[in-house]
Amino acid sequence: MTADDSLSRLDDDDYPAYTMGRAAEMIGTTQSFLRAIGEARLITPLRSPGGHRRYSRYQLRIAARAREIVDQGTPVEAACRIVILEDQLEEAQRINAEYRRAGESAKPEAAA
């Protein structure tokens, strides 16, 4: 892998570029919170060759959303479930919009 390849991966939302310490710092939480949402299976960090957890920007956005919900007084497990349901709803809405657009483009135009 060349240096250019490595730099281009930093733009990839799924590239695990952040260590646990840096990830916790970036979203203003603790490493134990990241471990807890990992145990709740909200996110599964990738592991470095040395076994250290690595997080992507996408995972950090999910973790930050879970943290917002926990900060409002919701238990971690419930917050993780809420985030999962929000993600599923967003995906279902996206799919419905695609079907709606496809259906509209397939309709024959009315004769004038």
Protein backbone atom coordinates (compact mmCIF):
# COMPACT_ATOMS: atom_id res chain seq x y z
CA MET A 1 0.00 0.00 0.00
CA THR A 2 1.41 3.38 -0.97
CA ALA A 3 1.19 6.58 1.03
CA ASP A 4 -1.40 7.89 -1.45
CA ASP A 5 -3.56 4.79 -0.83
CA SER A 6 -3.35 5.33 2.93
CA LEU A 7 -4.33 8.99 2.66
CA SER A 8 -7.29 8.29 0.39
CA ARG A 9 -8.64 5.80 2.94
CA LEU A 10 -8.96 8.60 5.49
CA ASP A 11 -11.91 9.90 3.46
CA ASP A 12 -13.61 6.50 3.80
CA ASP A 13 -16.30 6.57 6.54
CA ASP A 14 -15.78 2.86 7.16
CA TYR A 15 -12.00 2.93 7.51
CA PRO A 16 -11.03 2.13 11.14
CA ALA A 17 -8.67 5.04 11.64
CA TYR A 18 -9.22 5.87 15.31
CA THR A 19 -7.89 4.18 18.43
CA MET A 20 -10.19 3.66 21.37
CA GLY A 21 -8.64 6.55 23.30
CA ARG A 22 -8.90 8.94 20.38
CA ALA A 23 -12.45 7.79 19.57
CA ALA A 24 -13.57 8.37 23.17
CA GLU A 25 -11.95 11.80 23.16
CA MET A 26 -13.57 12.76 19.86
CA ILE A 27 -17.12 12.02 21.03
CA GLY A 28 -16.56 13.20 24.60
CA THR A 29 -17.06 9.91 26.37
CA THR A 30 -15.06 7.23 28.15
CA GLN A 31 -13.40 4.12 26.84
CA SER A 32 -15.69 2.07 29.09
CA PHE A 33 -18.71 3.55 27.28
CA LEU A 34 -17.27 2.39 23.96
CA ARG A 35 -16.71 -1.06 25.44
CA ALA A 36 -20.29 -1.10 26.75
CA ILE A 37 -21.86 -0.29 23.39
CA GLY A 38 -19.58 -2.90 21.85
CA GLU A 39 -20.85 -5.48 24.35
CA ALA A 40 -24.41 -4.40 23.50
CA ARG A 41 -23.48 -5.08 19.86
CA LEU A 42 -24.31 -1.60 18.63
CA ILE A 43 -20.90 -1.35 17.00
CA THR A 44 -18.14 -3.87 16.49
CA PRO A 45 -14.77 -2.18 16.23
CA LEU A 46 -12.16 -3.75 14.03
CA ARG A 47 -8.94 -4.89 15.63
CA SER A 48 -5.41 -3.82 14.77
CA PRO A 49 -2.81 -6.56 14.22
CA GLY A 50 -1.89 -6.05 17.89
CA GLY A 51 -5.50 -6.59 19.01
CA HIS A 52 -6.37 -2.97 19.76
CA ARG A 53 -9.84 -1.66 18.94
CA ARG A 54 -10.10 0.67 15.93
CA TYR A 55 -13.15 2.78 15.11
CA SER A 56 -14.40 4.33 11.87
CA ARG A 57 -16.08 7.71 11.50
CA TYR A 58 -19.37 5.91 10.81
CA GLN A 59 -19.04 3.99 14.10
CA LEU A 60 -18.22 7.21 15.93
CA ARG A 61 -21.41 8.84 14.64
CA ILE A 62 -23.42 5.87 15.92
CA ALA A 63 -21.60 5.97 19.27
CA ALA A 64 -22.21 9.72 19.58
CA ARG A 65 -25.95 9.22 18.98
CA ALA A 66 -26.05 6.50 21.65
CA ARG A 67 -24.21 8.82 24.02
CA GLU A 68 -26.82 11.56 23.44
CA ILE A 69 -29.58 9.15 24.42
CA VAL A 70 -27.69 7.86 27.46
CA ASP A 71 -27.04 11.45 28.56
CA GLN A 72 -30.83 11.93 28.63
CA GLY A 73 -31.09 9.17 31.25
CA THR A 74 -31.68 6.08 29.13
CA PRO A 75 -29.80 2.88 30.04
CA VAL A 76 -27.02 1.89 27.62
CA GLU A 77 -28.77 -1.25 26.37
CA ALA A 78 -31.99 0.65 25.65
CA ALA A 79 -30.07 3.47 23.94
CA CYS A 80 -28.36 0.95 21.70
CA ARG A 81 -31.72 -0.58 20.75
CA ILE A 82 -33.12 2.88 19.98
CA VAL A 83 -30.17 3.68 17.71
CA ILE A 84 -30.60 0.35 15.90
CA LEU A 85 -34.32 1.02 15.39
CA GLU A 86 -33.62 4.55 14.16
CA ASP A 87 -31.15 3.15 11.65
CA GLN A 88 -33.64 0.50 10.47
CA LEU A 89 -36.36 3.13 10.08
CA GLU A 90 -34.06 5.39 8.06
CA GLU A 91 -33.16 2.47 5.77
CA ALA A 92 -36.83 1.52 5.30
CA GLN A 93 -37.70 5.12 4.43
CA ARG A 94 -34.86 5.22 1.91
CA ILE A 95 -36.05 2.01 0.26
CA ASN A 96 -39.66 3.26 0.17
CA ALA A 97 -38.55 6.49 -1.50
CA GLU A 98 -36.64 4.48 -4.13
CA TYR A 99 -39.72 2.35 -4.84
CA ARG A 100 -41.88 5.46 -5.04
CA ARG A 101 -39.51 7.09 -7.55
CA ALA A 102 -39.31 3.90 -9.59
CA GLY A 103 -43.11 3.62 -9.63
CA GLU A 104 -43.55 7.22 -10.70
CA SER A 105 -41.07 6.88 -13.55
CA ALA A 106 -42.77 3.67 -14.75
CA LYS A 107 -46.25 5.26 -15.00
CA PRO A 108 -47.31 6.04 -18.57
CA GLU A 109 -47.97 9.71 -19.13
CA ALA A 110 -51.65 10.63 -19.42
CA ALA A 111 -52.84 11.49 -22.91
CA ALA A 112 -53.46 15.17 -23.32
